[in-house]
N, C-alpha and C. Protein backbone atom coordinates (compact mmCIF):
# COMPACT_ATOMS: atom_id res chain seq x y z
N MET A 1 -114.98 104.05 -89.56
CA MET A 1 -113.53 103.53 -89.83
C MET A 1 -113.34 103.37 -91.52
N PHE A 2 -114.41 102.94 -91.96
CA PHE A 2 -114.40 102.81 -93.47
C PHE A 2 -114.32 103.96 -94.51
N SER A 3 -114.90 105.02 -93.88
CA SER A 3 -114.62 106.21 -94.44
C SER A 3 -113.28 106.91 -94.47
N ILE A 4 -112.65 106.41 -93.21
CA ILE A 4 -111.28 106.88 -93.22
C ILE A 4 -110.23 106.18 -94.12
N LEU A 5 -110.58 104.77 -94.17
CA LEU A 5 -109.70 104.03 -95.04
C LEU A 5 -110.19 104.22 -96.58
N GLY A 6 -111.34 104.72 -96.97
CA GLY A 6 -111.80 104.81 -98.20
C GLY A 6 -111.87 103.45 -98.95
N GLY A 7 -111.19 103.53 -100.21
CA GLY A 7 -111.16 102.21 -101.05
C GLY A 7 -110.17 101.42 -100.69
N ASN A 8 -109.44 101.63 -99.62
CA ASN A 8 -108.15 100.76 -99.25
C ASN A 8 -108.64 99.47 -98.59
N VAL A 9 -109.83 99.00 -98.62
CA VAL A 9 -110.23 97.71 -98.03
C VAL A 9 -110.15 96.72 -99.16
N THR A 10 -110.43 96.98 -100.27
CA THR A 10 -110.55 95.99 -101.34
C THR A 10 -109.27 95.17 -101.55
N ASP A 11 -109.58 93.84 -101.66
CA ASP A 11 -108.44 92.92 -101.67
C ASP A 11 -107.54 92.96 -100.28
N ARG A 12 -107.72 93.42 -99.35
CA ARG A 12 -106.96 93.49 -98.23
C ARG A 12 -107.07 92.34 -97.40
N VAL A 13 -106.05 91.97 -96.59
CA VAL A 13 -106.17 90.91 -95.44
C VAL A 13 -106.42 91.70 -94.26
N VAL A 14 -107.54 91.42 -93.52
CA VAL A 14 -107.92 92.19 -92.36
C VAL A 14 -107.83 91.35 -91.17
N LEU A 15 -107.60 92.01 -89.99
CA LEU A 15 -107.53 91.35 -88.69
C LEU A 15 -108.57 92.24 -87.82
N ASP A 16 -109.53 91.58 -87.19
CA ASP A 16 -110.52 92.27 -86.29
C ASP A 16 -110.33 91.52 -84.85
N LEU A 17 -109.40 92.46 -84.03
CA LEU A 17 -109.21 92.08 -82.65
C LEU A 17 -110.35 92.38 -81.96
N TYR A 18 -110.66 91.73 -80.96
CA TYR A 18 -111.90 91.92 -79.90
C TYR A 18 -113.08 91.92 -80.91
N ALA A 19 -113.38 91.07 -81.69
CA ALA A 19 -114.22 91.16 -82.86
C ALA A 19 -115.73 91.09 -82.21
N GLY A 20 -115.99 90.69 -81.20
CA GLY A 20 -117.42 90.68 -80.73
C GLY A 20 -118.12 89.91 -81.68
N THR A 21 -119.29 90.33 -82.19
CA THR A 21 -120.20 89.71 -83.17
C THR A 21 -119.85 89.72 -84.57
N GLY A 22 -118.61 90.45 -84.75
CA GLY A 22 -118.05 90.39 -86.19
C GLY A 22 -118.54 91.77 -87.13
N ALA A 23 -119.20 92.72 -86.64
CA ALA A 23 -119.84 93.72 -87.31
C ALA A 23 -118.57 94.42 -88.30
N VAL A 24 -117.46 94.81 -87.55
CA VAL A 24 -116.34 95.42 -88.41
C VAL A 24 -115.84 94.45 -89.48
N GLY A 25 -115.45 93.30 -89.12
CA GLY A 25 -114.92 92.44 -89.99
C GLY A 25 -115.95 92.02 -91.02
N ILE A 26 -117.27 91.74 -90.80
CA ILE A 26 -118.30 91.53 -91.90
C ILE A 26 -118.42 92.64 -92.72
N GLU A 27 -118.52 93.84 -92.37
CA GLU A 27 -118.50 94.94 -93.16
C GLU A 27 -117.21 95.09 -94.06
N ALA A 28 -115.94 94.89 -93.48
CA ALA A 28 -114.78 94.80 -94.47
C ALA A 28 -115.03 93.88 -95.46
N LEU A 29 -115.62 92.61 -95.12
CA LEU A 29 -115.79 91.61 -96.18
C LEU A 29 -116.71 92.10 -97.17
N SER A 30 -117.72 92.77 -96.87
CA SER A 30 -118.77 93.32 -97.70
C SER A 30 -118.41 94.42 -98.57
N ARG A 31 -117.17 94.89 -98.27
CA ARG A 31 -116.59 96.09 -99.00
C ARG A 31 -115.26 95.51 -99.92
N GLY A 32 -115.35 94.15 -99.94
CA GLY A 32 -114.24 93.68 -100.80
C GLY A 32 -112.88 93.10 -100.32
N ALA A 33 -112.96 93.07 -98.96
CA ALA A 33 -111.64 92.45 -98.24
C ALA A 33 -111.58 91.06 -98.79
N ALA A 34 -110.33 90.68 -98.92
CA ALA A 34 -110.06 89.33 -99.43
C ALA A 34 -110.43 88.22 -98.44
N ARG A 35 -110.02 88.71 -97.14
CA ARG A 35 -110.38 87.75 -96.11
C ARG A 35 -110.25 88.59 -94.76
N VAL A 36 -110.90 87.99 -93.61
CA VAL A 36 -110.75 88.55 -92.33
C VAL A 36 -110.49 87.56 -91.33
N THR A 37 -109.74 87.85 -90.44
CA THR A 37 -109.45 87.10 -89.30
C THR A 37 -109.96 87.68 -88.10
N PHE A 38 -110.91 86.99 -87.51
CA PHE A 38 -111.58 87.33 -86.13
C PHE A 38 -110.95 86.73 -85.09
N VAL A 39 -110.52 87.66 -84.04
CA VAL A 39 -110.23 87.19 -82.67
C VAL A 39 -111.17 87.48 -81.72
N GLU A 40 -111.85 86.60 -80.87
CA GLU A 40 -112.84 86.90 -80.02
C GLU A 40 -112.79 85.76 -78.87
N ALA A 41 -112.66 86.11 -77.67
CA ALA A 41 -112.41 85.14 -76.61
C ALA A 41 -113.88 84.78 -76.00
N ALA A 42 -114.77 85.68 -75.98
CA ALA A 42 -116.17 85.10 -75.30
C ALA A 42 -117.07 84.18 -76.25
N PRO A 43 -117.33 83.04 -75.49
CA PRO A 43 -118.10 81.91 -76.30
C PRO A 43 -119.12 82.45 -76.94
N THR A 44 -119.97 83.27 -76.10
CA THR A 44 -121.53 83.55 -76.78
C THR A 44 -121.05 84.52 -77.93
N ALA A 45 -120.15 85.35 -77.91
CA ALA A 45 -119.88 86.35 -79.08
C ALA A 45 -119.46 85.43 -80.11
N VAL A 46 -118.59 84.53 -80.03
CA VAL A 46 -118.11 83.63 -81.03
C VAL A 46 -119.17 82.78 -81.84
N ARG A 47 -120.20 82.32 -81.00
CA ARG A 47 -121.41 81.50 -81.65
C ARG A 47 -122.03 82.46 -82.45
N LEU A 48 -122.39 83.83 -81.82
CA LEU A 48 -122.89 84.90 -82.76
C LEU A 48 -122.31 85.12 -84.10
N LEU A 49 -121.02 85.20 -83.98
CA LEU A 49 -120.04 85.70 -85.05
C LEU A 49 -120.30 84.59 -86.05
N ARG A 50 -120.05 83.26 -85.73
CA ARG A 50 -120.18 82.16 -86.61
C ARG A 50 -121.68 82.26 -87.38
N ARG A 51 -122.66 82.43 -86.65
CA ARG A 51 -123.86 82.59 -87.19
C ARG A 51 -124.13 83.80 -88.10
N ASN A 52 -123.57 84.91 -87.81
CA ASN A 52 -123.60 86.11 -88.66
C ASN A 52 -122.84 85.91 -89.89
N LEU A 53 -121.71 85.40 -89.85
CA LEU A 53 -120.93 85.02 -91.09
C LEU A 53 -121.64 83.99 -92.07
N GLU A 54 -122.30 82.94 -91.35
CA GLU A 54 -123.01 82.01 -92.25
C GLU A 54 -124.12 82.77 -92.90
N HIS A 55 -124.84 83.54 -92.06
CA HIS A 55 -126.23 84.27 -92.38
C HIS A 55 -125.79 85.28 -93.77
N CYS A 56 -124.56 85.70 -93.60
CA CYS A 56 -124.25 86.77 -94.82
C CYS A 56 -123.63 86.03 -95.96
N GLY A 57 -123.25 84.71 -95.80
CA GLY A 57 -122.53 84.06 -96.85
C GLY A 57 -121.15 84.43 -97.06
N LEU A 58 -120.65 84.48 -95.93
CA LEU A 58 -119.13 85.04 -95.87
C LEU A 58 -118.33 84.14 -95.07
N ALA A 59 -118.56 83.13 -94.68
CA ALA A 59 -117.78 82.24 -93.92
C ALA A 59 -116.46 81.64 -94.50
N ASP A 60 -116.58 81.48 -95.82
CA ASP A 60 -115.64 80.96 -96.61
C ASP A 60 -114.32 82.13 -96.77
N ARG A 61 -114.67 83.12 -96.25
CA ARG A 61 -113.34 84.22 -96.39
C ARG A 61 -113.07 84.63 -95.07
N ALA A 62 -113.39 84.01 -94.01
CA ALA A 62 -113.22 84.20 -92.70
C ALA A 62 -112.39 83.09 -91.76
N GLU A 63 -111.82 83.47 -90.77
CA GLU A 63 -111.05 82.59 -89.94
C GLU A 63 -111.43 83.25 -88.57
N ILE A 64 -111.87 82.22 -87.85
CA ILE A 64 -112.19 82.60 -86.46
C ILE A 64 -111.20 82.02 -85.39
N HIS A 65 -110.67 82.81 -84.66
CA HIS A 65 -109.71 82.40 -83.52
C HIS A 65 -110.54 82.71 -82.06
N PRO A 66 -111.12 81.54 -81.50
CA PRO A 66 -111.77 81.68 -80.22
C PRO A 66 -110.91 81.77 -79.05
N CYS A 67 -110.03 82.77 -78.99
CA CYS A 67 -109.07 82.93 -78.04
C CYS A 67 -108.88 84.46 -77.44
N SER A 68 -108.00 84.67 -76.67
CA SER A 68 -107.65 85.97 -76.27
C SER A 68 -106.79 86.58 -77.26
N VAL A 69 -106.84 87.84 -77.40
CA VAL A 69 -105.83 88.68 -78.22
C VAL A 69 -104.45 88.48 -77.83
N GLU A 70 -104.08 88.37 -76.49
CA GLU A 70 -102.91 88.06 -76.12
C GLU A 70 -102.35 86.61 -76.71
N ARG A 71 -103.08 85.64 -76.64
CA ARG A 71 -102.60 84.58 -76.99
C ARG A 71 -102.55 84.54 -78.44
N PHE A 72 -103.30 84.94 -79.31
CA PHE A 72 -103.44 84.98 -80.72
C PHE A 72 -102.11 85.86 -81.28
N LEU A 73 -101.88 87.16 -80.56
CA LEU A 73 -100.69 87.65 -81.00
C LEU A 73 -99.44 87.30 -80.71
N HIS A 74 -99.31 86.27 -79.73
CA HIS A 74 -98.01 85.77 -79.22
C HIS A 74 -97.82 84.22 -79.69
N HIS A 75 -98.72 83.90 -80.71
CA HIS A 75 -98.40 82.52 -81.37
C HIS A 75 -98.63 82.63 -82.81
N LEU A 76 -97.75 83.26 -83.40
CA LEU A 76 -97.76 83.53 -84.92
C LEU A 76 -97.75 82.13 -85.67
N ASP A 77 -97.35 81.09 -85.10
CA ASP A 77 -97.07 79.82 -85.71
C ASP A 77 -98.33 79.39 -86.33
N GLY A 78 -99.50 79.58 -85.61
CA GLY A 78 -100.71 79.11 -86.11
C GLY A 78 -101.58 80.00 -87.01
N TRP A 79 -100.83 81.09 -87.24
CA TRP A 79 -101.60 82.08 -88.31
C TRP A 79 -101.58 81.32 -89.80
N GLU A 80 -102.78 81.47 -90.30
CA GLU A 80 -103.02 80.81 -91.78
C GLU A 80 -103.12 82.15 -92.73
N SER A 81 -103.66 83.31 -92.09
CA SER A 81 -104.06 84.43 -93.06
C SER A 81 -103.27 85.61 -92.91
N GLY A 82 -102.32 85.47 -92.19
CA GLY A 82 -101.42 86.88 -92.02
C GLY A 82 -100.11 86.84 -92.85
N PRO A 83 -99.50 87.93 -92.89
CA PRO A 83 -99.55 89.01 -92.16
C PRO A 83 -100.81 89.86 -92.72
N PHE A 84 -101.31 91.01 -92.10
CA PHE A 84 -102.39 91.77 -92.11
C PHE A 84 -102.21 93.13 -92.65
N ASP A 85 -103.05 93.47 -93.66
CA ASP A 85 -102.98 94.81 -94.06
C ASP A 85 -103.59 96.01 -93.36
N ILE A 86 -104.77 95.42 -92.80
CA ILE A 86 -105.42 96.35 -91.84
C ILE A 86 -105.82 95.62 -90.60
N VAL A 87 -105.53 96.12 -89.46
CA VAL A 87 -105.73 95.77 -88.29
C VAL A 87 -106.66 96.63 -87.54
N PHE A 88 -107.80 96.11 -87.07
CA PHE A 88 -108.82 96.80 -86.18
C PHE A 88 -108.84 96.44 -84.79
N ALA A 89 -108.47 97.10 -83.93
CA ALA A 89 -108.69 96.69 -82.43
C ALA A 89 -109.61 97.62 -81.66
N ASP A 90 -110.57 96.90 -80.98
CA ASP A 90 -111.63 97.60 -80.30
C ASP A 90 -111.66 96.97 -79.02
N PRO A 91 -110.57 97.26 -78.01
CA PRO A 91 -110.62 96.56 -76.83
C PRO A 91 -111.55 97.29 -75.70
N PRO A 92 -111.83 96.63 -74.65
CA PRO A 92 -112.67 97.19 -73.61
C PRO A 92 -111.72 98.52 -73.23
N TYR A 93 -112.57 99.62 -73.02
CA TYR A 93 -111.61 100.89 -72.94
C TYR A 93 -110.98 100.71 -71.54
N THR A 94 -111.29 99.97 -70.54
CA THR A 94 -110.64 99.74 -69.33
C THR A 94 -109.29 98.95 -69.48
N ALA A 95 -109.11 98.37 -70.52
CA ALA A 95 -108.01 97.35 -71.10
C ALA A 95 -107.19 98.15 -71.98
N ALA A 96 -107.25 99.57 -72.38
CA ALA A 96 -106.67 100.20 -73.21
C ALA A 96 -104.98 100.03 -73.21
N ALA A 97 -104.50 100.17 -71.82
CA ALA A 97 -103.15 100.22 -71.69
C ALA A 97 -102.60 98.95 -72.05
N GLU A 98 -103.20 97.97 -71.34
CA GLU A 98 -102.83 96.57 -71.56
C GLU A 98 -102.86 96.22 -73.15
N THR A 99 -103.79 96.60 -73.85
CA THR A 99 -103.92 96.38 -75.26
C THR A 99 -102.71 96.89 -75.97
N GLU A 100 -102.49 98.21 -75.68
CA GLU A 100 -101.28 98.96 -76.31
C GLU A 100 -99.95 98.29 -76.03
N ALA A 101 -99.76 97.69 -74.81
CA ALA A 101 -98.58 96.97 -74.44
C ALA A 101 -98.66 95.63 -75.23
N LEU A 102 -99.73 95.05 -75.48
CA LEU A 102 -99.73 93.75 -76.25
C LEU A 102 -99.35 93.92 -77.75
N LEU A 103 -99.87 94.99 -78.25
CA LEU A 103 -99.62 95.33 -79.58
C LEU A 103 -98.02 95.88 -79.80
N HIS A 104 -97.45 96.42 -78.84
CA HIS A 104 -96.12 96.75 -78.91
C HIS A 104 -95.17 95.61 -78.67
N THR A 105 -95.53 94.60 -78.05
CA THR A 105 -94.74 93.47 -77.85
C THR A 105 -94.87 92.25 -78.77
N ALA A 106 -96.10 92.27 -79.85
CA ALA A 106 -96.11 91.40 -80.58
C ALA A 106 -95.26 91.30 -81.57
N ASP A 107 -94.91 90.25 -82.32
CA ASP A 107 -93.88 90.11 -83.34
C ASP A 107 -94.28 90.85 -84.63
N PRO A 108 -93.34 91.65 -85.06
CA PRO A 108 -93.59 92.76 -86.11
C PRO A 108 -94.14 92.20 -87.45
N ARG A 109 -93.85 90.90 -87.57
CA ARG A 109 -94.26 90.32 -88.81
C ARG A 109 -95.80 90.19 -88.91
N TRP A 110 -96.68 90.62 -88.06
CA TRP A 110 -98.01 90.54 -88.20
C TRP A 110 -98.59 91.42 -88.80
N VAL A 111 -97.94 92.54 -89.20
CA VAL A 111 -98.53 93.69 -89.90
C VAL A 111 -97.69 93.90 -91.20
N THR A 112 -98.33 94.06 -92.48
CA THR A 112 -97.54 94.08 -93.57
C THR A 112 -96.75 95.62 -93.62
N SER A 113 -95.71 95.64 -94.53
CA SER A 113 -94.90 96.73 -94.66
C SER A 113 -95.87 98.21 -94.92
N HIS A 114 -96.97 97.92 -95.63
CA HIS A 114 -97.92 99.00 -95.92
C HIS A 114 -99.11 99.04 -95.00
N GLY A 115 -99.10 98.24 -93.93
CA GLY A 115 -99.96 98.05 -93.01
C GLY A 115 -100.58 99.08 -92.25
N VAL A 116 -101.89 99.16 -91.92
CA VAL A 116 -102.66 100.10 -91.14
C VAL A 116 -103.35 99.50 -90.07
N VAL A 117 -102.98 100.08 -88.88
CA VAL A 117 -103.64 99.87 -87.47
C VAL A 117 -104.47 100.67 -86.85
N VAL A 118 -105.88 100.45 -86.85
CA VAL A 118 -106.87 101.27 -86.36
C VAL A 118 -107.21 100.87 -84.74
N LEU A 119 -107.00 101.68 -83.86
CA LEU A 119 -107.30 101.55 -82.62
C LEU A 119 -108.50 102.21 -81.99
N GLU A 120 -109.59 101.86 -81.60
CA GLU A 120 -110.65 102.54 -81.04
C GLU A 120 -110.37 102.48 -79.43
N HIS A 121 -110.78 103.79 -79.01
CA HIS A 121 -110.40 103.92 -77.55
C HIS A 121 -111.17 105.30 -76.97
N ALA A 122 -111.26 105.33 -75.77
CA ALA A 122 -111.99 106.49 -75.33
C ALA A 122 -111.37 107.87 -75.82
N ALA A 123 -112.14 108.74 -76.09
CA ALA A 123 -111.54 110.14 -76.65
C ALA A 123 -110.59 110.78 -75.62
N LYS A 124 -110.79 110.64 -74.36
CA LYS A 124 -110.00 111.33 -73.57
C LYS A 124 -108.68 110.73 -73.36
N ARG A 125 -108.42 109.58 -73.89
CA ARG A 125 -107.13 108.91 -73.92
C ARG A 125 -106.26 109.33 -75.22
N ARG A 126 -105.13 109.84 -74.79
CA ARG A 126 -104.00 110.15 -75.80
C ARG A 126 -103.34 108.94 -76.41
N PRO A 127 -103.29 108.86 -77.65
CA PRO A 127 -102.87 107.66 -78.36
C PRO A 127 -101.41 107.75 -78.36
N PRO A 128 -100.68 106.51 -78.42
CA PRO A 128 -99.22 106.41 -78.16
C PRO A 128 -98.71 106.97 -79.63
N ASP A 129 -97.43 107.47 -79.59
CA ASP A 129 -96.74 107.83 -80.73
C ASP A 129 -96.39 106.73 -81.74
N THR A 130 -96.40 105.54 -81.30
CA THR A 130 -96.23 104.24 -82.17
C THR A 130 -96.93 103.30 -81.58
N LEU A 131 -97.25 102.14 -82.47
CA LEU A 131 -98.16 101.05 -81.93
C LEU A 131 -97.93 99.94 -83.05
N ALA A 132 -97.45 98.84 -82.54
CA ALA A 132 -97.19 97.76 -83.35
C ALA A 132 -96.24 97.98 -84.47
N GLY A 133 -95.19 98.77 -84.25
CA GLY A 133 -94.19 99.08 -85.27
C GLY A 133 -94.54 99.98 -86.19
N CYS A 134 -95.88 100.74 -86.03
CA CYS A 134 -96.41 101.77 -86.76
C CYS A 134 -96.43 103.04 -86.24
N ARG A 135 -96.26 104.02 -87.12
CA ARG A 135 -96.19 105.40 -86.49
C ARG A 135 -97.54 106.13 -86.39
N PHE A 136 -97.99 106.94 -85.46
CA PHE A 136 -99.16 107.35 -85.33
C PHE A 136 -99.39 108.53 -86.59
N ILE A 137 -100.62 108.40 -87.03
CA ILE A 137 -100.91 109.43 -88.31
C ILE A 137 -102.11 110.46 -87.77
N ARG A 138 -103.11 109.82 -87.26
CA ARG A 138 -104.28 110.96 -87.22
C ARG A 138 -105.17 110.20 -86.13
N ARG A 139 -105.89 111.10 -85.41
CA ARG A 139 -107.04 110.85 -84.41
C ARG A 139 -108.22 111.42 -84.97
N TYR A 140 -109.25 110.55 -85.04
CA TYR A 140 -110.58 111.05 -85.40
C TYR A 140 -111.62 110.72 -84.22
N GLN A 141 -112.30 111.87 -83.72
CA GLN A 141 -113.03 111.78 -82.51
C GLN A 141 -114.49 111.76 -82.92
N TYR A 142 -115.27 110.90 -82.24
CA TYR A 142 -116.73 110.73 -82.52
C TYR A 142 -117.42 110.83 -81.15
N GLY A 143 -117.80 111.92 -80.67
CA GLY A 143 -118.20 112.02 -79.32
C GLY A 143 -117.29 111.45 -78.23
N ASP A 144 -117.57 110.45 -77.54
CA ASP A 144 -116.74 109.83 -76.33
C ASP A 144 -115.72 108.94 -77.00
N THR A 145 -115.88 108.66 -78.16
CA THR A 145 -114.91 107.58 -78.88
C THR A 145 -114.11 108.02 -79.74
N ALA A 146 -112.92 107.62 -79.92
CA ALA A 146 -111.88 108.05 -80.84
C ALA A 146 -111.25 106.73 -81.75
N LEU A 147 -110.88 107.11 -82.91
CA LEU A 147 -110.13 106.06 -83.66
C LEU A 147 -108.82 106.71 -83.95
N SER A 148 -107.85 106.08 -83.54
CA SER A 148 -106.26 106.52 -83.81
C SER A 148 -105.95 105.60 -84.90
N LEU A 149 -105.26 106.27 -85.96
CA LEU A 149 -104.79 105.37 -87.08
C LEU A 149 -103.27 105.47 -87.10
N PHE A 150 -102.59 104.19 -87.32
CA PHE A 150 -101.21 104.03 -87.46
C PHE A 150 -100.78 103.44 -88.63
N THR A 151 -99.63 103.77 -89.23
CA THR A 151 -99.27 102.99 -90.45
C THR A 151 -97.69 102.96 -90.39
N ARG A 152 -97.40 102.03 -91.21
CA ARG A 152 -95.98 101.71 -91.64
C ARG A 152 -95.50 102.41 -92.94
N GLY A 153 -96.54 102.63 -93.59
CA GLY A 153 -96.42 103.08 -95.10
C GLY A 153 -96.88 104.52 -95.14
N GLU A 154 -97.38 104.83 -96.37
CA GLU A 154 -98.05 106.08 -96.52
C GLU A 154 -99.49 106.18 -95.71
N ALA A 155 -99.83 107.29 -95.46
CA ALA A 155 -101.08 107.58 -94.83
C ALA A 155 -102.26 107.21 -95.86
N PRO A 156 -103.35 106.41 -95.57
CA PRO A 156 -104.47 106.10 -96.65
C PRO A 156 -105.14 107.26 -97.04
N GLN A 157 -105.17 107.21 -98.40
CA GLN A 157 -106.00 108.36 -98.79
C GLN A 157 -107.63 108.11 -98.52
N HIS A 158 -108.20 109.28 -98.13
CA HIS A 158 -109.69 109.13 -97.69
C HIS A 158 -110.41 110.33 -98.30
N PRO A 159 -111.78 109.96 -98.53
CA PRO A 159 -112.56 111.04 -99.30
C PRO A 159 -112.68 112.35 -98.26
């Protein structure tokens, strides 16, 4: 994902949906993201995420929402760090259709006018033409996994 985005992570506000233990968001912080909001519902993963952020010394630039992605996306009032420049969603592959529907119905204010949404999904799944108010730009395949890139603005420049 970061080779796709290139230098477009520096000073950006990032949202990591289905964050797990935080690997993607922590990598974004290490590459200069201004802050990252993590959304993860599994209590065990949230505990590990908190520990990982503390261990890396990055907790001061992180916000953790221990809830479902659906709850987070449909309750904008509680957001302290949005809207987001980069959104990464790595849902369980079995929940791909539900996740796409969630992203379509979420309030459009959650992605900035120049925002980028990256959706990880099974390579055999065709990405939608639009997602979260953003248009499909490109699909990158890595074995059985694919990353689909959507944006409201110009496509990010990458090496």
